[in-house]
Amino acid sequence: MSLINFYLNDHEGISKILYELISDTTSQEASLIAYQIAYEIADNENQGFIDRIINSIPIDTSEEKTKKRENLVKILSNKLRDDLYGNFLTKFS
C-alpha cells in the first residue's frame, strides 16, 4: 500500500501509514515494518518528498511514540545510516 502512495507522490498517505504502524502497541513487528518502509523511502526518494513525509507525521505526547517517531525521522533523513557508516569506518580503519 505504501508503494502506491510512494508512486502517487502522496506524502500524507505514507506518513499516515507510518504513524499507524508505530502507534500499534500490540506488536513490535509493526514498528519494524515502519522502519523498513522508512529505509526504502530514504534510499529511493528525493529529500523534498522525505521532508514532507517527516512534517506530516503527527507528534504524540506518549514517550514511546515520540521515541519511535524520532527513530523514523533519523531513518528518513539518513542520519542513522550516516552514523552507522561513520562508526564502521572509524572502527575498521
Foldseek 3Di string as FASTA:
>chain_A
DVVVCVVVLNLLVLLVQLLVLQPPPVDPVSLVVSLVVLLVCLVPDDPVSLVSNLVNNDQDPDPSSNVSSVSSNCNNVVVVVVVVVVVVVVVPD
